[in-house]
């Protein structure tokens, strides 16, 4: 959290607005993490393409787990897919998120620091609820674009569909500076996912 807060202060010294500084800081963090994010998103897209074949194998060998595991591993090998490839890069980003959360939640500099229009104090929740609603909307769009949601069963999918609503409620109590970070991060994730979705991948091998 400390290095990120130092970076935030340095950016502020150039732009003179902590709201703008938070947006720039978010962009810098996402650019640094982009290789990991890119790798994770590509892996999830590949796994989504394999899902129909995986379901066929599960149905065909539902009474023979050993044979199923062997066939699944062979399917992964032929298509050069690591089933954990989408998870590990995302897990590595969690410490960065918590560091940013800690930095922005406790930053004394954000007290009484205005951004634009209705956001006159980035240390306080958004009184009009605009940034929390934007966060929920962008999180919902991001979720719909993420291939991993297509690989879940109906129960998992329903839980995932509730998350944007639940987090929107949480962010009504968060400092608006933190919510601004989250909205910016979601928008960048949507842009990254669009890039991934346009990249053609090799044909699947049976």
C-alpha atoms as a PDB file:
ATOM      1  CA  UNK A   1       0.000   0.000   0.000  1.00  0.00           C
ATOM      2  CA  UNK A   2       2.804   2.444   0.871  1.00  0.00           C
ATOM      3  CA  UNK A   3       4.516   2.476  -2.578  1.00  0.00           C
ATOM      4  CA  UNK A   4       1.135   2.871  -4.291  1.00  0.00           C
ATOM      5  CA  UNK A   5       0.272   5.792  -2.022  1.00  0.00           C
ATOM      6  CA  UNK A   6       3.643   7.378  -2.784  1.00  0.00           C
ATOM      7  CA  UNK A   7       2.928   6.944  -6.500  1.00  0.00           C
ATOM      8  CA  UNK A   8      -0.515   8.519  -6.022  1.00  0.00           C
ATOM      9  CA  UNK A   9       1.068  11.543  -4.317  1.00  0.00           C
ATOM     10  CA  UNK A  10       3.632  11.885  -7.107  1.00  0.00           C
ATOM     11  CA  UNK A  11       0.934  11.801  -9.799  1.00  0.00           C
ATOM     12  CA  UNK A  12      -1.072  14.385  -7.822  1.00  0.00           C
ATOM     13  CA  UNK A  13       1.931  16.706  -7.769  1.00  0.00           C
ATOM     14  CA  UNK A  14       1.688  16.833 -11.580  1.00  0.00           C
ATOM     15  CA  UNK A  15      -2.093  16.850 -12.160  1.00  0.00           C
ATOM     16  CA  UNK A  16      -3.311  18.686  -9.036  1.00  0.00           C
ATOM     17  CA  UNK A  17      -6.477  16.576  -8.657  1.00  0.00           C
ATOM     18  CA  UNK A  18      -6.680  13.366  -6.627  1.00  0.00           C
ATOM     19  CA  UNK A  19      -9.592  12.035  -8.692  1.00  0.00           C
ATOM     20  CA  UNK A  20      -7.546  12.326 -11.871  1.00  0.00           C
ATOM     21  CA  UNK A  21      -4.529  10.917  -9.994  1.00  0.00           C
ATOM     22  CA  UNK A  22      -6.561   7.834  -8.973  1.00  0.00           C
ATOM     23  CA  UNK A  23      -7.619   7.250 -12.593  1.00  0.00           C
ATOM     24  CA  UNK A  24      -4.017   7.546 -13.807  1.00  0.00           C
ATOM     25  CA  UNK A  25      -2.796   5.276 -10.993  1.00  0.00           C
ATOM     26  CA  UNK A  26      -5.401   2.664 -11.975  1.00  0.00           C
ATOM     27  CA  UNK A  27      -4.287   2.823 -15.608  1.00  0.00           C
ATOM     28  CA  UNK A  28      -0.632   2.390 -14.585  1.00  0.00           C
ATOM     29  CA  UNK A  29      -1.458  -0.625 -12.394  1.00  0.00           C
ATOM     30  CA  UNK A  30      -3.548  -2.238 -15.158  1.00  0.00           C
ATOM     31  CA  UNK A  31      -0.807  -1.653 -17.750  1.00  0.00           C
ATOM     32  CA  UNK A  32       1.795  -3.269 -15.454  1.00  0.00           C
ATOM     33  CA  UNK A  33      -0.534  -6.244 -14.827  1.00  0.00           C
ATOM     34  CA  UNK A  34      -1.696  -6.499 -18.453  1.00  0.00           C
ATOM     35  CA  UNK A  35       0.645  -9.392 -19.419  1.00  0.00           C
ATOM     36  CA  UNK A  36      -0.807 -11.487 -16.558  1.00  0.00           C
ATOM     37  CA  UNK A  37      -4.373 -10.391 -17.299  1.00  0.00           C
ATOM     38  CA  UNK A  38      -3.929 -11.062 -21.017  1.00  0.00           C
ATOM     39  CA  UNK A  39      -2.621 -14.553 -20.358  1.00  0.00           C
ATOM     40  CA  UNK A  40      -5.477 -15.333 -17.958  1.00  0.00           C
ATOM     41  CA  UNK A  41      -8.161 -14.040 -20.322  1.00  0.00           C
ATOM     42  CA  UNK A  42      -6.728 -16.015 -23.260  1.00  0.00           C
ATOM     43  CA  UNK A  43      -6.706 -19.176 -21.171  1.00  0.00           C
ATOM     44  CA  UNK A  44     -10.331 -18.648 -20.085  1.00  0.00           C
ATOM     45  CA  UNK A  45     -11.403 -18.085 -23.691  1.00  0.00           C
ATOM     46  CA  UNK A  46      -9.671 -21.309 -24.737  1.00  0.00           C
ATOM     47  CA  UNK A  47     -11.327 -23.193 -21.897  1.00  0.00           C
ATOM     48  CA  UNK A  48     -14.714 -21.846 -22.986  1.00  0.00           C
ATOM     49  CA  UNK A  49     -14.119 -23.205 -26.481  1.00  0.00           C
ATOM     50  CA  UNK A  50     -13.289 -26.597 -24.993  1.00  0.00           C
ATOM     51  CA  UNK A  51     -16.402 -26.696 -22.778  1.00  0.00           C
ATOM     52  CA  UNK A  52     -18.680 -28.549 -25.273  1.00  0.00           C
ATOM     53  CA  UNK A  53     -16.044 -31.252 -25.784  1.00  0.00           C
ATOM     54  CA  UNK A  54     -15.469 -31.517 -22.032  1.00  0.00           C
ATOM     55  CA  UNK A  55     -19.192 -32.007 -21.410  1.00  0.00           C
ATOM     56  CA  UNK A  56     -19.318 -34.766 -24.031  1.00  0.00           C
ATOM     57  CA  UNK A  57     -16.429 -36.548 -22.344  1.00  0.00           C
ATOM     58  CA  UNK A  58     -18.076 -36.175 -18.922  1.00  0.00           C
ATOM     59  CA  UNK A  59     -21.254 -37.719 -20.260  1.00  0.00           C
ATOM     60  CA  UNK A  60     -19.436 -40.501 -22.109  1.00  0.00           C
ATOM     61  CA  UNK A  61     -17.200 -41.514 -19.164  1.00  0.00           C
ATOM     62  CA  UNK A  62     -19.448 -40.532 -16.248  1.00  0.00           C
ATOM     63  CA  UNK A  63     -19.023 -43.996 -14.723  1.00  0.00           C
ATOM     64  CA  UNK A  64     -15.273 -44.189 -15.263  1.00  0.00           C
ATOM     65  CA  UNK A  65     -13.468 -41.296 -13.584  1.00  0.00           C
ATOM     66  CA  UNK A  66     -10.002 -42.638 -14.325  1.00  0.00           C
ATOM     67  CA  UNK A  67     -10.725 -42.807 -18.050  1.00  0.00           C
ATOM     68  CA  UNK A  68     -12.412 -39.400 -17.919  1.00  0.00           C
ATOM     69  CA  UNK A  69      -9.361 -37.787 -16.308  1.00  0.00           C
ATOM     70  CA  UNK A  70      -7.081 -39.383 -18.880  1.00  0.00           C
ATOM     71  CA  UNK A  71      -9.217 -38.192 -21.802  1.00  0.00           C
ATOM     72  CA  UNK A  72      -9.511 -34.686 -20.336  1.00  0.00           C
ATOM     73  CA  UNK A  73      -5.747 -34.389 -19.885  1.00  0.00           C
ATOM     74  CA  UNK A  74      -5.266 -35.562 -23.470  1.00  0.00           C
ATOM     75  CA  UNK A  75      -7.745 -32.926 -24.657  1.00  0.00           C
ATOM     76  CA  UNK A  76      -5.832 -30.238 -22.749  1.00  0.00           C
ATOM     77  CA  UNK A  77      -2.524 -31.482 -24.156  1.00  0.00           C
ATOM     78  CA  UNK A  78      -3.707 -31.498 -27.784  1.00  0.00           C
ATOM     79  CA  UNK A  79      -5.054 -27.978 -27.496  1.00  0.00           C
ATOM     80  CA  UNK A  80      -2.163 -26.665 -25.364  1.00  0.00           C
ATOM     81  CA  UNK A  81      -4.507 -25.560 -22.594  1.00  0.00           C
ATOM     82  CA  UNK A  82      -3.598 -25.267 -18.929  1.00  0.00           C
ATOM     83  CA  UNK A  83      -6.839 -25.618 -16.885  1.00  0.00           C
ATOM     84  CA  UNK A  84      -5.285 -23.402 -14.185  1.00  0.00           C
ATOM     85  CA  UNK A  85      -3.989 -20.864 -16.680  1.00  0.00           C
ATOM     86  CA  UNK A  86      -6.936 -18.529 -16.163  1.00  0.00           C
ATOM     87  CA  UNK A  87      -6.804 -18.678 -12.372  1.00  0.00           C
ATOM     88  CA  UNK A  88      -3.169 -18.212 -11.454  1.00  0.00           C
ATOM     89  CA  UNK A  89      -2.629 -14.824 -13.178  1.00  0.00           C
ATOM     90  CA  UNK A  90      -5.825 -13.542 -11.538  1.00  0.00           C
ATOM     91  CA  UNK A  91      -4.734 -14.757  -8.098  1.00  0.00           C
ATOM     92  CA  UNK A  92      -1.470 -12.841  -8.438  1.00  0.00           C
ATOM     93  CA  UNK A  93      -3.476  -9.634  -8.870  1.00  0.00           C
ATOM     94  CA  UNK A  94      -5.336 -10.018  -5.544  1.00  0.00           C
ATOM     95  CA  UNK A  95      -2.472  -8.625  -3.365  1.00  0.00           C
ATOM     96  CA  UNK A  96      -2.316  -5.562  -5.637  1.00  0.00           C
ATOM     97  CA  UNK A  97      -6.060  -4.992  -5.264  1.00  0.00           C
ATOM     98  CA  UNK A  98      -5.874  -5.199  -1.457  1.00  0.00           C
ATOM     99  CA  UNK A  99      -2.863  -2.865  -1.433  1.00  0.00           C
ATOM    100  CA  UNK A 100      -4.824  -0.319  -3.476  1.00  0.00           C
ATOM    101  CA  UNK A 101      -7.859  -0.809  -1.234  1.00  0.00           C
ATOM    102  CA  UNK A 102      -5.731  -0.154   1.847  1.00  0.00           C
ATOM    103  CA  UNK A 103      -3.960   2.843   0.282  1.00  0.00           C
ATOM    104  CA  UNK A 104      -7.141   4.574  -0.906  1.00  0.00           C
ATOM    105  CA  UNK A 105      -9.190   3.757   2.207  1.00  0.00           C
ATOM    106  CA  UNK A 106      -6.647   5.205   4.616  1.00  0.00           C
ATOM    107  CA  UNK A 107      -5.177   8.040   2.551  1.00  0.00           C
ATOM    108  CA  UNK A 108      -5.362  11.235   4.568  1.00  0.00           C
ATOM    109  CA  UNK A 109      -4.786  13.164   1.343  1.00  0.00           C
ATOM    110  CA  UNK A 110      -8.242  12.224   0.063  1.00  0.00           C
ATOM    111  CA  UNK A 111     -10.006  14.012   2.940  1.00  0.00           C
ATOM    112  CA  UNK A 112     -11.916  17.003   1.542  1.00  0.00           C
ATOM    113  CA  UNK A 113     -10.230  16.378  -1.819  1.00  0.00           C
ATOM    114  CA  UNK A 114     -12.687  17.155  -4.645  1.00  0.00           C
ATOM    115  CA  UNK A 115     -12.858  15.431  -8.031  1.00  0.00           C
ATOM    116  CA  UNK A 116     -15.638  16.757 -10.275  1.00  0.00           C
ATOM    117  CA  UNK A 117     -19.132  18.171  -9.819  1.00  0.00           C
ATOM    118  CA  UNK A 118     -20.881  16.154  -7.086  1.00  0.00           C
ATOM    119  CA  UNK A 119     -17.719  14.425  -5.782  1.00  0.00           C
ATOM    120  CA  UNK A 120     -16.441  17.099  -3.409  1.00  0.00           C
ATOM    121  CA  UNK A 121     -14.745  14.743  -0.903  1.00  0.00           C
ATOM    122  CA  UNK A 122     -13.069  11.550  -2.154  1.00  0.00           C
ATOM    123  CA  UNK A 123     -12.754  10.214   1.419  1.00  0.00           C
ATOM    124  CA  UNK A 124     -16.560  10.118   1.790  1.00  0.00           C
ATOM    125  CA  UNK A 125     -19.159   7.889   0.090  1.00  0.00           C
ATOM    126  CA  UNK A 126     -20.792   9.186  -3.077  1.00  0.00           C
ATOM    127  CA  UNK A 127     -23.899  10.940  -1.717  1.00  0.00           C
ATOM    128  CA  UNK A 128     -25.754  10.680  -5.039  1.00  0.00           C
ATOM    129  CA  UNK A 129     -24.807   7.036  -5.548  1.00  0.00           C
ATOM    130  CA  UNK A 130     -23.648   7.644  -9.123  1.00  0.00           C
ATOM    131  CA  UNK A 131     -20.233   5.967  -8.873  1.00  0.00           C
ATOM    132  CA  UNK A 132     -21.615   2.878  -7.027  1.00  0.00           C
ATOM    133  CA  UNK A 133     -24.241   2.441  -9.762  1.00  0.00           C
ATOM    134  CA  UNK A 134     -21.569   2.864 -12.441  1.00  0.00           C
ATOM    135  CA  UNK A 135     -19.444   0.278 -10.622  1.00  0.00           C
ATOM    136  CA  UNK A 136     -22.324  -2.222 -10.566  1.00  0.00           C
ATOM    137  CA  UNK A 137     -23.184  -1.616 -14.233  1.00  0.00           C
ATOM    138  CA  UNK A 138     -19.579  -1.981 -15.428  1.00  0.00           C
ATOM    139  CA  UNK A 139     -19.103  -5.075 -13.248  1.00  0.00           C
ATOM    140  CA  UNK A 140     -22.238  -6.619 -14.813  1.00  0.00           C
ATOM    141  CA  UNK A 141     -20.999  -5.857 -18.355  1.00  0.00           C
ATOM    142  CA  UNK A 142     -17.556  -7.231 -17.522  1.00  0.00           C
ATOM    143  CA  UNK A 143     -19.115 -10.397 -16.091  1.00  0.00           C
ATOM    144  CA  UNK A 144     -21.205 -10.950 -19.231  1.00  0.00           C
ATOM    145  CA  UNK A 145     -18.091 -10.636 -21.384  1.00  0.00           C
ATOM    146  CA  UNK A 146     -15.972 -13.034 -19.317  1.00  0.00           C
ATOM    147  CA  UNK A 147     -15.787 -16.563 -20.813  1.00  0.00           C
ATOM    148  CA  UNK A 148     -15.481 -18.201 -17.383  1.00  0.00           C
ATOM    149  CA  UNK A 149     -19.148 -17.481 -16.583  1.00  0.00           C
ATOM    150  CA  UNK A 150     -20.166 -19.630 -19.553  1.00  0.00           C
ATOM    151  CA  UNK A 151     -18.442 -22.657 -17.983  1.00  0.00           C
ATOM    152  CA  UNK A 152     -20.361 -22.554 -14.687  1.00  0.00           C
ATOM    153  CA  UNK A 153     -23.339 -24.658 -13.693  1.00  0.00           C
ATOM    154  CA  UNK A 154     -26.724 -23.002 -13.129  1.00  0.00           C
ATOM    155  CA  UNK A 155     -26.223 -22.523  -9.352  1.00  0.00           C
ATOM    156  CA  UNK A 156     -22.789 -20.912  -9.762  1.00  0.00           C
ATOM    157  CA  UNK A 157     -24.118 -18.725 -12.581  1.00  0.00           C
ATOM    158  CA  UNK A 158     -26.977 -17.441 -10.401  1.00  0.00           C
ATOM    159  CA  UNK A 159     -24.562 -16.572  -7.589  1.00  0.00           C
ATOM    160  CA  UNK A 160     -22.296 -14.734 -10.040  1.00  0.00           C
ATOM    161  CA  UNK A 161     -25.272 -12.789 -11.404  1.00  0.00           C
ATOM    162  CA  UNK A 162     -25.993 -11.513  -7.889  1.00  0.00           C
ATOM    163  CA  UNK A 163     -22.452 -10.235  -7.277  1.00  0.00           C
ATOM    164  CA  UNK A 164     -22.763  -6.898  -9.154  1.00  0.00           C
ATOM    165  CA  UNK A 165     -25.885  -6.086  -7.113  1.00  0.00           C
ATOM    166  CA  UNK A 166     -24.226  -7.100  -3.813  1.00  0.00           C
ATOM    167  CA  UNK A 167     -21.021  -5.143  -4.496  1.00  0.00           C
ATOM    168  CA  UNK A 168     -23.043  -2.124  -5.608  1.00  0.00           C
ATOM    169  CA  UNK A 169     -24.680  -2.058  -2.164  1.00  0.00           C
ATOM    170  CA  UNK A 170     -21.251  -2.340  -0.494  1.00  0.00           C
ATOM    171  CA  UNK A 171     -19.795   0.531  -2.505  1.00  0.00           C
ATOM    172  CA  UNK A 172     -22.511   2.910  -1.284  1.00  0.00           C
ATOM    173  CA  UNK A 173     -20.529   2.924   1.988  1.00  0.00           C
ATOM    174  CA  UNK A 174     -17.034   2.989   0.416  1.00  0.00           C
ATOM    175  CA  UNK A 175     -15.006   6.191   0.020  1.00  0.00           C
ATOM    176  CA  UNK A 176     -15.832   7.617  -3.398  1.00  0.00           C
ATOM    177  CA  UNK A 177     -12.103   7.596  -4.253  1.00  0.00           C
ATOM    178  CA  UNK A 178     -12.050   3.820  -3.903  1.00  0.00           C
ATOM    179  CA  UNK A 179     -15.246   3.431  -5.924  1.00  0.00           C
ATOM    180  CA  UNK A 180     -13.714   5.641  -8.621  1.00  0.00           C
ATOM    181  CA  UNK A 181     -10.740   3.265  -8.753  1.00  0.00           C
ATOM    182  CA  UNK A 182     -13.090   0.278  -9.086  1.00  0.00           C
ATOM    183  CA  UNK A 183     -15.141   1.879 -11.889  1.00  0.00           C
ATOM    184  CA  UNK A 184     -11.971   2.780 -13.813  1.00  0.00           C
ATOM    185  CA  UNK A 185     -10.581  -0.722 -13.326  1.00  0.00           C
ATOM    186  CA  UNK A 186     -13.824  -2.296 -14.606  1.00  0.00           C
ATOM    187  CA  UNK A 187     -13.858  -0.076 -17.705  1.00  0.00           C
ATOM    188  CA  UNK A 188     -10.248  -1.057 -18.480  1.00  0.00           C
ATOM    189  CA  UNK A 189     -11.133  -4.743 -17.965  1.00  0.00           C
ATOM    190  CA  UNK A 190     -14.012  -4.401 -20.443  1.00  0.00           C
ATOM    191  CA  UNK A 191     -11.632  -2.850 -22.996  1.00  0.00           C
ATOM    192  CA  UNK A 192      -9.089  -5.643 -22.427  1.00  0.00           C
ATOM    193  CA  UNK A 193     -11.773  -8.317 -22.810  1.00  0.00           C
ATOM    194  CA  UNK A 194     -12.894  -6.790 -26.117  1.00  0.00           C
ATOM    195  CA  UNK A 195      -9.321  -7.028 -27.366  1.00  0.00           C
ATOM    196  CA  UNK A 196      -9.120 -10.691 -26.303  1.00  0.00           C
ATOM    197  CA  UNK A 197     -12.485 -11.518 -27.910  1.00  0.00           C
ATOM    198  CA  UNK A 198     -11.291 -10.171 -31.263  1.00  0.00           C
ATOM    199  CA  UNK A 199      -8.169 -12.318 -31.284  1.00  0.00           C
ATOM    200  CA  UNK A 200      -8.623 -15.437 -33.368  1.00  0.00           C
ATOM    201  CA  UNK A 201      -7.529 -18.652 -31.697  1.00  0.00           C
ATOM    202  CA  UNK A 202      -6.426 -21.896 -33.403  1.00  0.00           C
ATOM    203  CA  UNK A 203      -9.061 -24.514 -34.178  1.00  0.00           C
ATOM    204  CA  UNK A 204      -9.816 -26.996 -31.417  1.00  0.00           C
ATOM    205  CA  UNK A 205      -8.389 -30.499 -31.692  1.00  0.00           C
ATOM    206  CA  UNK A 206     -10.515 -33.533 -30.743  1.00  0.00           C
END
